[in-house]
């Protein structure tokens, strides 16, 4: 069946905030029919392609960082984002590229622009080229769970913290501080467990 103008307006208004399943149910349509209509009219049924924004995972890949780093930028450092439902169920974190660049200009110390391929995230501001030449250790980037695990594993293998800092592309002081903090937390957990067992 052909979709009416009113139905198409409803689809456009809700695509991304509601799943295709919910939109189809609201219109009394078959989800597969809705998907085929979107492909025919827009060239895609993916709301990722339809939003004109980039996902946290895609931004992480372009910037050469872990996805958790980008999520940290959004949750702890004010990078604007939107949560959207794509296709049927999955929810993605979307970031407007222009909003990212406005945020990045004010948070240059958190980003290693040397990893960013030129014009891989257009429109790229002119100031980025100068920043790209200044490779910096990731002293200001939040530690991810994966990095903390790597730090513990490398230190447990007997590798000096200075060498670990080079592997993780962080300053020696940053690695030493994080390692000591992790050891303290681990000792506190062990003491707590011991107290519980003995009580």
N, C-alpha and C. Protein backbone atom coordinates (compact mmCIF):
# COMPACT_ATOMS: atom_id res chain seq x y z
N UNK A 1 0.82 -1.20 0.00
CA UNK A 1 0.00 0.00 0.00
C UNK A 1 0.86 1.26 0.00
N UNK A 2 0.40 2.29 -0.68
CA UNK A 2 1.12 3.56 -0.72
C UNK A 2 0.91 4.32 0.59
N UNK A 3 1.98 4.91 1.09
CA UNK A 3 1.89 5.69 2.31
C UNK A 3 1.35 7.08 2.00
N UNK A 4 0.47 7.58 2.85
CA UNK A 4 -0.10 8.91 2.66
C UNK A 4 0.91 9.97 3.07
N UNK A 5 0.64 11.21 2.66
CA UNK A 5 1.51 12.33 3.02
C UNK A 5 1.58 12.47 4.54
N UNK A 6 0.42 12.31 5.21
CA UNK A 6 0.37 12.43 6.68
C UNK A 6 1.23 11.35 7.34
N UNK A 7 1.19 10.13 6.78
CA UNK A 7 1.98 9.04 7.33
C UNK A 7 3.48 9.31 7.15
N UNK A 8 3.86 9.83 5.98
CA UNK A 8 5.27 10.12 5.73
C UNK A 8 5.78 11.23 6.66
N UNK A 9 4.93 12.22 6.93
CA UNK A 9 5.31 13.29 7.85
C UNK A 9 5.53 12.71 9.25
N UNK A 10 4.63 11.81 9.66
CA UNK A 10 4.76 11.18 10.97
C UNK A 10 6.05 10.37 11.05
N UNK A 11 6.36 9.65 9.98
CA UNK A 11 7.58 8.83 9.93
C UNK A 11 8.81 9.72 10.08
N UNK A 12 8.86 10.82 9.31
CA UNK A 12 10.00 11.73 9.34
C UNK A 12 10.17 12.35 10.73
N UNK A 13 9.06 12.68 11.38
CA UNK A 13 9.12 13.32 12.69
C UNK A 13 9.59 12.37 13.79
N UNK A 14 9.33 11.09 13.60
CA UNK A 14 9.62 10.12 14.67
C UNK A 14 10.79 9.18 14.38
N UNK A 15 11.31 9.22 13.17
CA UNK A 15 12.43 8.37 12.82
C UNK A 15 13.64 8.75 13.66
N UNK A 16 14.15 7.82 14.44
CA UNK A 16 15.28 8.10 15.32
C UNK A 16 14.88 8.15 16.78
N UNK A 17 13.68 8.68 17.06
CA UNK A 17 13.22 8.71 18.44
C UNK A 17 12.38 7.48 18.76
N UNK A 18 11.76 6.90 17.73
CA UNK A 18 11.02 5.65 17.89
C UNK A 18 11.61 4.61 16.97
N UNK A 19 11.53 3.34 17.36
CA UNK A 19 12.01 2.26 16.49
C UNK A 19 11.05 2.10 15.32
N UNK A 20 11.52 1.44 14.26
CA UNK A 20 10.64 1.17 13.10
C UNK A 20 9.44 0.35 13.52
N UNK A 21 9.65 -0.56 14.47
CA UNK A 21 8.56 -1.40 14.96
C UNK A 21 7.45 -0.55 15.56
N UNK A 22 7.82 0.43 16.40
CA UNK A 22 6.84 1.29 17.06
C UNK A 22 6.11 2.18 16.05
N UNK A 23 6.88 2.71 15.10
CA UNK A 23 6.27 3.57 14.07
C UNK A 23 5.27 2.77 13.25
N UNK A 24 5.68 1.55 12.88
CA UNK A 24 4.80 0.69 12.08
C UNK A 24 3.53 0.36 12.86
N UNK A 25 3.67 0.06 14.14
CA UNK A 25 2.51 -0.26 14.98
C UNK A 25 1.56 0.94 15.06
N UNK A 26 2.12 2.13 15.24
CA UNK A 26 1.32 3.34 15.35
C UNK A 26 0.51 3.59 14.07
N UNK A 27 1.11 3.28 12.94
CA UNK A 27 0.45 3.50 11.64
C UNK A 27 -0.37 2.30 11.19
N UNK A 28 -0.30 1.22 11.96
CA UNK A 28 -1.01 0.00 11.55
C UNK A 28 -0.41 -0.63 10.31
N UNK A 29 0.91 -0.51 10.19
CA UNK A 29 1.62 -1.01 9.02
C UNK A 29 2.55 -2.15 9.41
N UNK A 30 2.98 -2.90 8.40
CA UNK A 30 3.95 -3.97 8.59
C UNK A 30 5.35 -3.34 8.65
N UNK A 31 6.18 -3.70 9.66
CA UNK A 31 7.52 -3.12 9.77
C UNK A 31 8.38 -3.31 8.51
N UNK A 32 8.26 -4.47 7.88
CA UNK A 32 9.05 -4.73 6.66
C UNK A 32 8.59 -3.82 5.53
N UNK A 33 7.27 -3.57 5.47
CA UNK A 33 6.72 -2.66 4.46
C UNK A 33 7.27 -1.25 4.67
N UNK A 34 7.33 -0.84 5.95
CA UNK A 34 7.86 0.48 6.28
C UNK A 34 9.33 0.57 5.89
N UNK A 35 10.08 -0.47 6.20
CA UNK A 35 11.51 -0.49 5.87
C UNK A 35 11.73 -0.37 4.37
N UNK A 36 10.96 -1.11 3.58
CA UNK A 36 11.09 -1.06 2.12
C UNK A 36 10.72 0.32 1.58
N UNK A 37 9.72 0.95 2.19
CA UNK A 37 9.31 2.29 1.77
C UNK A 37 10.43 3.29 2.03
N UNK A 38 11.09 3.18 3.17
CA UNK A 38 12.20 4.07 3.49
C UNK A 38 13.36 3.88 2.53
N UNK A 39 13.65 2.65 2.20
CA UNK A 39 14.73 2.36 1.25
C UNK A 39 14.40 2.96 -0.11
N UNK A 40 13.14 2.82 -0.52
CA UNK A 40 12.71 3.32 -1.83
C UNK A 40 12.76 4.86 -1.87
N UNK A 41 12.33 5.50 -0.81
CA UNK A 41 12.22 6.96 -0.81
C UNK A 41 13.50 7.67 -0.38
N UNK A 42 14.30 7.04 0.52
CA UNK A 42 15.47 7.71 1.07
C UNK A 42 16.78 7.05 0.66
N UNK A 43 16.68 5.86 0.08
CA UNK A 43 17.88 5.13 -0.29
C UNK A 43 18.43 4.29 0.84
N UNK A 44 17.84 4.43 2.04
CA UNK A 44 18.27 3.66 3.21
C UNK A 44 17.16 3.61 4.23
N UNK A 45 17.16 2.54 5.03
CA UNK A 45 16.22 2.48 6.15
C UNK A 45 16.95 2.73 7.46
N UNK A 46 18.27 2.97 7.38
CA UNK A 46 19.08 3.18 8.58
C UNK A 46 18.94 4.61 9.07
N UNK A 47 18.58 4.75 10.33
CA UNK A 47 18.48 6.10 10.87
C UNK A 47 19.85 6.71 11.13
N UNK A 48 20.89 5.88 11.15
CA UNK A 48 22.24 6.44 11.26
C UNK A 48 22.53 7.26 10.02
N UNK A 49 22.24 6.68 8.84
CA UNK A 49 22.50 7.38 7.59
C UNK A 49 21.55 8.56 7.40
N UNK A 50 20.39 8.51 8.03
CA UNK A 50 19.38 9.54 7.82
C UNK A 50 19.54 10.76 8.72
N UNK A 51 20.34 10.65 9.78
CA UNK A 51 20.41 11.75 10.74
C UNK A 51 21.40 12.83 10.35
N UNK A 52 22.41 12.50 9.54
CA UNK A 52 23.44 13.48 9.23
C UNK A 52 24.41 13.68 10.38
N UNK A 53 24.34 12.82 11.39
CA UNK A 53 25.25 12.90 12.53
C UNK A 53 26.15 11.66 12.54
N UNK A 54 27.07 11.64 13.47
CA UNK A 54 28.03 10.53 13.57
C UNK A 54 27.83 9.85 14.93
N UNK A 55 27.98 8.54 14.96
CA UNK A 55 27.82 7.82 16.23
C UNK A 55 29.10 7.95 17.05
N UNK A 56 28.99 7.68 18.35
CA UNK A 56 30.15 7.73 19.23
C UNK A 56 31.23 6.77 18.76
N UNK A 57 30.81 5.59 18.29
CA UNK A 57 31.76 4.60 17.79
C UNK A 57 32.48 5.08 16.54
N UNK A 58 31.73 5.71 15.64
CA UNK A 58 32.33 6.23 14.40
C UNK A 58 33.30 7.37 14.71
N UNK A 59 32.91 8.25 15.64
CA UNK A 59 33.79 9.36 16.02
C UNK A 59 35.07 8.83 16.67
N UNK A 60 34.93 7.81 17.51
CA UNK A 60 36.10 7.21 18.16
C UNK A 60 37.07 6.67 17.12
N UNK A 61 36.53 6.00 16.12
CA UNK A 61 37.38 5.41 15.07
C UNK A 61 38.13 6.50 14.31
N UNK A 62 37.43 7.58 13.96
CA UNK A 62 38.05 8.68 13.22
C UNK A 62 39.13 9.37 14.06
N UNK A 63 38.85 9.52 15.37
CA UNK A 63 39.77 10.23 16.25
C UNK A 63 40.90 9.34 16.77
N UNK A 64 40.81 8.04 16.50
CA UNK A 64 41.87 7.12 16.93
C UNK A 64 41.87 6.86 18.42
N UNK A 65 40.66 6.83 19.02
CA UNK A 65 40.55 6.57 20.47
C UNK A 65 39.54 5.45 20.71
N UNK A 66 39.48 4.99 21.95
CA UNK A 66 38.51 3.99 22.35
C UNK A 66 37.12 4.63 22.42
N UNK A 67 36.07 3.87 22.12
CA UNK A 67 34.71 4.40 22.17
C UNK A 67 34.37 4.93 23.56
N UNK A 68 34.88 4.27 24.60
CA UNK A 68 34.63 4.72 25.97
C UNK A 68 35.20 6.11 26.24
N UNK A 69 36.24 6.48 25.50
CA UNK A 69 36.80 7.82 25.64
C UNK A 69 35.79 8.85 25.17
N UNK A 70 35.15 8.58 24.02
CA UNK A 70 34.13 9.50 23.49
C UNK A 70 32.94 9.57 24.44
N UNK A 71 32.53 8.42 24.97
CA UNK A 71 31.42 8.41 25.93
C UNK A 71 31.81 9.23 27.16
N UNK A 72 33.08 9.16 27.56
CA UNK A 72 33.57 9.98 28.67
C UNK A 72 33.50 11.47 28.34
N UNK A 73 33.79 11.83 27.10
CA UNK A 73 33.67 13.23 26.68
C UNK A 73 32.23 13.71 26.85
N UNK A 74 31.27 12.83 26.53
CA UNK A 74 29.86 13.23 26.62
C UNK A 74 29.38 13.27 28.07
N UNK A 75 29.79 12.30 28.87
CA UNK A 75 29.26 12.19 30.23
C UNK A 75 29.98 13.06 31.25
N UNK A 76 31.29 13.32 31.00
CA UNK A 76 32.06 14.05 32.01
C UNK A 76 32.58 15.41 31.55
N UNK A 77 32.63 15.62 30.23
CA UNK A 77 33.28 16.84 29.74
C UNK A 77 32.41 17.69 28.82
N UNK A 78 31.12 17.39 28.77
CA UNK A 78 30.18 18.31 28.11
C UNK A 78 30.05 18.24 26.60
N UNK A 79 30.56 17.18 25.96
CA UNK A 79 30.36 17.06 24.52
C UNK A 79 28.87 16.81 24.24
N UNK A 80 28.21 17.69 23.47
CA UNK A 80 26.77 17.51 23.19
C UNK A 80 26.51 16.22 22.42
N UNK A 81 25.40 15.56 22.74
CA UNK A 81 25.04 14.33 22.05
C UNK A 81 23.54 14.12 22.12
N UNK A 82 23.06 13.17 21.30
CA UNK A 82 21.65 12.79 21.32
C UNK A 82 21.57 11.27 21.28
N UNK A 83 20.62 10.71 22.00
CA UNK A 83 20.37 9.27 21.95
C UNK A 83 19.25 9.02 20.95
N UNK A 84 19.49 8.14 20.00
CA UNK A 84 18.46 7.83 19.01
C UNK A 84 18.32 6.33 18.81
N UNK A 85 17.10 5.91 18.54
CA UNK A 85 16.82 4.50 18.24
C UNK A 85 17.01 4.30 16.75
N UNK A 86 17.71 3.24 16.37
CA UNK A 86 17.89 2.95 14.96
C UNK A 86 17.19 1.66 14.59
N UNK A 87 16.51 1.71 13.47
CA UNK A 87 15.76 0.57 12.94
C UNK A 87 14.79 -0.01 13.96
N UNK A 88 15.12 -1.14 14.59
CA UNK A 88 14.13 -1.80 15.43
C UNK A 88 14.33 -1.60 16.94
N UNK A 89 15.53 -1.81 17.44
CA UNK A 89 15.69 -1.75 18.90
C UNK A 89 16.91 -0.97 19.37
N UNK A 90 18.03 -1.08 18.68
CA UNK A 90 19.29 -0.57 19.20
C UNK A 90 19.31 0.95 19.31
N UNK A 91 19.84 1.44 20.44
CA UNK A 91 19.97 2.88 20.66
C UNK A 91 21.43 3.29 20.49
N UNK A 92 21.65 4.39 19.77
CA UNK A 92 22.99 4.88 19.52
C UNK A 92 23.17 6.27 20.11
N UNK A 93 24.42 6.60 20.42
CA UNK A 93 24.78 7.95 20.83
C UNK A 93 25.23 8.70 19.59
N UNK A 94 24.51 9.76 19.23
CA UNK A 94 24.82 10.53 18.04
C UNK A 94 25.44 11.88 18.41
N UNK A 95 26.38 12.32 17.59
CA UNK A 95 27.06 13.60 17.82
C UNK A 95 27.04 14.40 16.53
N UNK A 96 26.55 15.62 16.63
CA UNK A 96 26.55 16.53 15.49
C UNK A 96 28.00 16.99 15.25
N UNK A 97 28.47 16.90 14.01
CA UNK A 97 29.87 17.19 13.72
C UNK A 97 30.23 18.65 14.02
N UNK A 98 29.33 19.57 13.68
CA UNK A 98 29.61 20.99 13.96
C UNK A 98 29.69 21.24 15.46
N UNK A 99 28.81 20.58 16.23
CA UNK A 99 28.85 20.72 17.68
C UNK A 99 30.12 20.10 18.25
N UNK A 100 30.57 19.00 17.62
CA UNK A 100 31.82 18.39 18.07
C UNK A 100 32.99 19.36 17.90
N UNK A 101 33.07 20.01 16.72
CA UNK A 101 34.19 20.92 16.47
C UNK A 101 34.15 22.12 17.42
N UNK A 102 32.97 22.61 17.72
CA UNK A 102 32.86 23.73 18.67
C UNK A 102 33.34 23.30 20.04
N UNK A 103 32.99 22.07 20.44
CA UNK A 103 33.43 21.53 21.73
C UNK A 103 34.94 21.27 21.70
N UNK A 104 35.43 20.69 20.60
CA UNK A 104 36.85 20.34 20.50
C UNK A 104 37.75 21.56 20.59
N UNK A 105 37.30 22.69 20.05
CA UNK A 105 38.12 23.90 20.10
C UNK A 105 38.35 24.35 21.54
N UNK A 106 37.36 24.11 22.40
CA UNK A 106 37.48 24.50 23.81
C UNK A 106 38.13 23.41 24.66
N UNK A 107 38.31 22.22 24.08
CA UNK A 107 38.86 21.08 24.83
C UNK A 107 40.06 20.47 24.11
N UNK A 108 40.87 21.32 23.50
CA UNK A 108 42.00 20.83 22.70
C UNK A 108 42.96 19.96 23.50
N UNK A 109 43.10 20.26 24.80
CA UNK A 109 44.06 19.53 25.63
C UNK A 109 43.65 18.07 25.82
N UNK A 110 42.39 17.73 25.54
CA UNK A 110 41.91 16.35 25.73
C UNK A 110 42.11 15.49 24.48
N UNK A 111 42.50 16.10 23.38
CA UNK A 111 42.51 15.39 22.09
C UNK A 111 43.90 15.38 21.47
N UNK A 112 44.29 14.22 20.94
CA UNK A 112 45.52 14.11 20.18
C UNK A 112 45.14 14.20 18.70
N UNK A 113 45.24 15.40 18.14
CA UNK A 113 44.83 15.63 16.76
C UNK A 113 45.77 15.00 15.74
N UNK A 114 46.95 14.57 16.19
CA UNK A 114 47.90 13.96 15.25
C UNK A 114 47.36 12.64 14.69
N UNK A 115 46.39 12.04 15.40
CA UNK A 115 45.80 10.78 14.94
C UNK A 115 44.69 11.00 13.91
N UNK A 116 44.26 12.24 13.77
CA UNK A 116 43.13 12.56 12.89
C UNK A 116 43.59 12.82 11.47
N UNK A 117 43.13 11.99 10.53
CA UNK A 117 43.46 12.19 9.12
C UNK A 117 42.77 13.45 8.62
N UNK A 118 43.50 14.26 7.87
CA UNK A 118 42.97 15.55 7.43
C UNK A 118 41.66 15.40 6.65
N UNK A 119 40.69 16.22 7.01
CA UNK A 119 39.37 16.27 6.37
C UNK A 119 38.58 14.96 6.46
N UNK A 120 38.92 14.13 7.44
CA UNK A 120 38.15 12.89 7.63
C UNK A 120 36.87 13.16 8.41
N UNK A 121 36.74 14.39 8.94
CA UNK A 121 35.55 14.77 9.69
C UNK A 121 35.14 16.18 9.25
N UNK A 122 34.68 16.31 8.00
CA UNK A 122 34.34 17.65 7.49
C UNK A 122 33.03 18.17 8.09
N UNK A 123 32.91 19.51 8.18
CA UNK A 123 33.90 20.53 7.78
C UNK A 123 34.94 20.74 8.88
N UNK A 124 36.22 20.53 8.52
CA UNK A 124 37.30 20.65 9.50
C UNK A 124 37.74 22.10 9.63
N UNK A 125 37.73 22.67 10.84
CA UNK A 125 38.15 24.07 11.04
C UNK A 125 39.63 24.26 10.72
N UNK A 126 40.01 25.49 10.39
CA UNK A 126 41.39 25.79 10.02
C UNK A 126 42.37 25.55 11.16
N UNK A 127 41.94 25.77 12.42
CA UNK A 127 42.86 25.66 13.55
C UNK A 127 43.33 24.23 13.81
N UNK A 128 42.63 23.24 13.24
CA UNK A 128 42.97 21.84 13.51
C UNK A 128 44.33 21.47 12.94
N UNK A 129 44.70 22.06 11.79
CA UNK A 129 45.96 21.69 11.15
C UNK A 129 47.16 22.01 12.05
N UNK A 130 47.11 23.14 12.73
CA UNK A 130 48.20 23.50 13.65
C UNK A 130 48.23 22.53 14.83
N UNK A 131 47.06 22.15 15.32
CA UNK A 131 46.99 21.20 16.44
C UNK A 131 47.50 19.82 16.03
N UNK A 132 47.26 19.46 14.77
CA UNK A 132 47.65 18.14 14.27
C UNK A 132 49.17 17.95 14.35
N UNK A 133 49.90 19.03 14.24
CA UNK A 133 51.37 18.96 14.26
C UNK A 133 51.91 18.78 15.66
N UNK A 134 51.08 19.03 16.66
CA UNK A 134 51.53 18.93 18.05
C UNK A 134 51.08 17.63 18.68
N UNK A 135 51.79 16.54 18.42
CA UNK A 135 51.44 15.27 19.03
C UNK A 135 51.68 15.37 20.53
N UNK A 136 50.69 14.94 21.31
CA UNK A 136 50.81 15.05 22.76
C UNK A 136 50.46 13.72 23.42
N UNK A 137 51.08 13.49 24.54
CA UNK A 137 50.72 12.30 25.32
C UNK A 137 49.31 12.51 25.86
N UNK A 138 48.59 11.42 26.03
CA UNK A 138 47.19 11.50 26.45
C UNK A 138 47.06 11.67 27.97
N UNK A 139 47.65 12.72 28.49
CA UNK A 139 47.63 12.93 29.94
C UNK A 139 46.26 13.36 30.43
N UNK A 140 45.47 14.00 29.58
CA UNK A 140 44.20 14.57 30.00
C UNK A 140 43.02 13.67 29.66
N UNK A 141 43.28 12.62 28.90
CA UNK A 141 42.19 11.72 28.50
C UNK A 141 41.83 10.80 29.64
N UNK A 142 40.54 10.62 29.85
CA UNK A 142 40.08 9.73 30.92
C UNK A 142 40.53 8.30 30.64
N UNK A 143 40.86 7.59 31.71
CA UNK A 143 41.28 6.20 31.58
C UNK A 143 40.06 5.33 31.33
N UNK A 144 40.19 4.40 30.38
CA UNK A 144 39.12 3.43 30.14
C UNK A 144 39.40 2.17 30.97
N UNK A 145 38.38 1.35 31.11
CA UNK A 145 38.54 0.09 31.84
C UNK A 145 39.59 -0.78 31.16
N UNK A 146 39.58 -0.79 29.83
CA UNK A 146 40.54 -1.58 29.07
C UNK A 146 41.97 -1.12 29.36
N UNK A 147 42.19 0.19 29.41
CA UNK A 147 43.53 0.72 29.68
C UNK A 147 43.98 0.37 31.10
N UNK A 148 43.06 0.44 32.05
CA UNK A 148 43.41 0.08 33.43
C UNK A 148 43.82 -1.39 33.51
N UNK A 149 43.08 -2.25 32.78
CA UNK A 149 43.42 -3.67 32.76
C UNK A 149 44.79 -3.89 32.12
N UNK A 150 45.05 -3.15 31.03
CA UNK A 150 46.35 -3.26 30.36
C UNK A 150 47.47 -2.83 31.30
N UNK A 151 47.24 -1.75 32.03
CA UNK A 151 48.24 -1.25 32.98
C UNK A 151 48.57 -2.30 34.03
N UNK A 152 47.56 -2.91 34.62
CA UNK A 152 47.77 -3.94 35.65
C UNK A 152 48.51 -5.14 35.08
N UNK A 153 48.09 -5.59 33.88
CA UNK A 153 48.72 -6.76 33.25
C UNK A 153 50.19 -6.50 32.94
N UNK A 154 50.47 -5.31 32.37
CA UNK A 154 51.85 -4.98 32.01
C UNK A 154 52.72 -4.82 33.25
N UNK A 155 52.17 -4.20 34.28
CA UNK A 155 52.94 -4.02 35.52
C UNK A 155 53.18 -5.37 36.20
N UNK A 156 52.19 -6.25 36.15
CA UNK A 156 52.32 -7.59 36.75
C UNK A 156 53.37 -8.42 36.04
N UNK A 157 53.59 -8.14 34.76
CA UNK A 157 54.60 -8.89 34.00
C UNK A 157 56.02 -8.40 34.29
N UNK A 158 56.11 -7.31 35.11
CA UNK A 158 57.43 -6.82 35.50
C UNK A 158 57.94 -5.66 34.65
N UNK A 159 57.13 -5.18 33.73
CA UNK A 159 57.54 -4.08 32.86
C UNK A 159 57.59 -2.77 33.66
N UNK A 160 58.64 -1.99 33.51
CA UNK A 160 58.74 -0.72 34.25
C UNK A 160 57.61 0.24 33.85
N UNK A 161 57.19 1.08 34.78
CA UNK A 161 56.11 2.02 34.50
C UNK A 161 56.46 2.98 33.37
N UNK A 162 57.74 3.33 33.25
CA UNK A 162 58.17 4.22 32.18
C UNK A 162 57.90 3.59 30.81
N UNK A 163 58.17 2.30 30.69
CA UNK A 163 57.92 1.59 29.43
C UNK A 163 56.42 1.46 29.16
N UNK A 164 55.66 1.22 30.24
CA UNK A 164 54.20 1.11 30.12
C UNK A 164 53.62 2.44 29.64
N UNK A 165 54.18 3.55 30.14
CA UNK A 165 53.71 4.87 29.74
C UNK A 165 53.88 5.07 28.23
N UNK A 166 54.99 4.58 27.69
CA UNK A 166 55.24 4.70 26.24
C UNK A 166 54.24 3.86 25.46
N UNK A 167 53.95 2.66 25.96
CA UNK A 167 53.01 1.77 25.28
C UNK A 167 51.60 2.37 25.26
N UNK A 168 51.22 2.98 26.40
CA UNK A 168 49.87 3.54 26.52
C UNK A 168 49.79 4.98 26.04
N UNK A 169 50.91 5.53 25.58
CA UNK A 169 50.98 6.91 25.09
C UNK A 169 50.49 7.90 26.16
N UNK A 170 51.04 7.72 27.37
CA UNK A 170 50.73 8.61 28.50
C UNK A 170 52.03 9.00 29.18
N UNK A 171 51.96 10.04 29.98
CA UNK A 171 53.16 10.47 30.70
C UNK A 171 53.48 9.47 31.81
N UNK A 172 54.75 9.42 32.20
CA UNK A 172 55.17 8.51 33.27
C UNK A 172 54.43 8.85 34.57
N UNK A 173 54.28 10.15 34.84
CA UNK A 173 53.60 10.58 36.06
C UNK A 173 52.13 10.15 36.09
N UNK A 174 51.48 10.23 34.94
CA UNK A 174 50.07 9.84 34.85
C UNK A 174 49.90 8.35 35.10
N UNK A 175 50.81 7.55 34.52
CA UNK A 175 50.75 6.09 34.70
C UNK A 175 51.05 5.70 36.14
N UNK A 176 52.06 6.34 36.73
CA UNK A 176 52.43 6.04 38.11
C UNK A 176 51.28 6.37 39.07
N UNK A 177 50.66 7.52 38.84
CA UNK A 177 49.54 7.95 39.69
C UNK A 177 48.37 6.98 39.59
N UNK A 178 48.03 6.58 38.35
CA UNK A 178 46.91 5.65 38.14
C UNK A 178 47.23 4.28 38.74
N UNK A 179 48.46 3.80 38.57
CA UNK A 179 48.85 2.49 39.09
C UNK A 179 48.74 2.46 40.62
N UNK A 180 49.26 3.49 41.25
CA UNK A 180 49.20 3.56 42.72
C UNK A 180 47.75 3.62 43.21
N UNK A 181 46.92 4.33 42.46
CA UNK A 181 45.51 4.43 42.84
C UNK A 181 44.82 3.08 42.72
N UNK A 182 45.12 2.35 41.64
CA UNK A 182 44.53 1.03 41.43
C UNK A 182 44.99 0.05 42.52
N UNK A 183 46.26 0.15 42.92
CA UNK A 183 46.77 -0.71 43.99
C UNK A 183 46.07 -0.41 45.32
N UNK A 184 45.87 0.87 45.59
CA UNK A 184 45.18 1.27 46.82
C UNK A 184 43.75 0.74 46.85
N UNK A 185 43.05 0.88 45.71
CA UNK A 185 41.68 0.39 45.62
C UNK A 185 41.61 -1.11 45.80
N UNK A 186 42.58 -1.81 45.21
CA UNK A 186 42.62 -3.27 45.31
C UNK A 186 42.88 -3.70 46.77
N UNK A 187 43.80 -3.00 47.45
CA UNK A 187 44.10 -3.31 48.84
C UNK A 187 42.88 -3.07 49.73
N UNK A 188 42.14 -2.00 49.44
CA UNK A 188 40.94 -1.69 50.21
C UNK A 188 39.87 -2.77 50.02
N UNK A 189 39.74 -3.24 48.77
CA UNK A 189 38.77 -4.32 48.49
C UNK A 189 39.15 -5.59 49.22
N UNK A 190 40.45 -5.92 49.19
CA UNK A 190 40.91 -7.15 49.86
C UNK A 190 40.68 -7.07 51.37
N UNK A 191 40.93 -5.90 51.96
CA UNK A 191 40.72 -5.72 53.38
C UNK A 191 39.24 -5.85 53.73
N UNK A 192 38.39 -5.27 52.88
CA UNK A 192 36.95 -5.34 53.10
C UNK A 192 36.46 -6.79 53.06
N UNK A 193 36.97 -7.56 52.07
CA UNK A 193 36.60 -8.97 51.93
C UNK A 193 37.08 -9.77 53.14
N UNK A 194 38.29 -9.47 53.60
CA UNK A 194 38.85 -10.17 54.75
C UNK A 194 38.05 -9.89 56.02
N UNK A 195 37.65 -8.63 56.19
CA UNK A 195 36.85 -8.25 57.36
C UNK A 195 35.49 -8.97 57.35
N UNK A 196 34.90 -9.09 56.15
CA UNK A 196 33.61 -9.77 56.05
C UNK A 196 33.71 -11.26 56.38
N UNK A 197 34.81 -11.86 55.91
CA UNK A 197 35.01 -13.29 56.16
C UNK A 197 35.23 -13.57 57.65
N UNK A 198 36.00 -12.68 58.29
CA UNK A 198 36.36 -12.88 59.69
C UNK A 198 35.30 -12.40 60.69
N UNK A 199 34.28 -11.69 60.18
CA UNK A 199 33.26 -11.17 61.10
C UNK A 199 32.17 -12.22 61.37
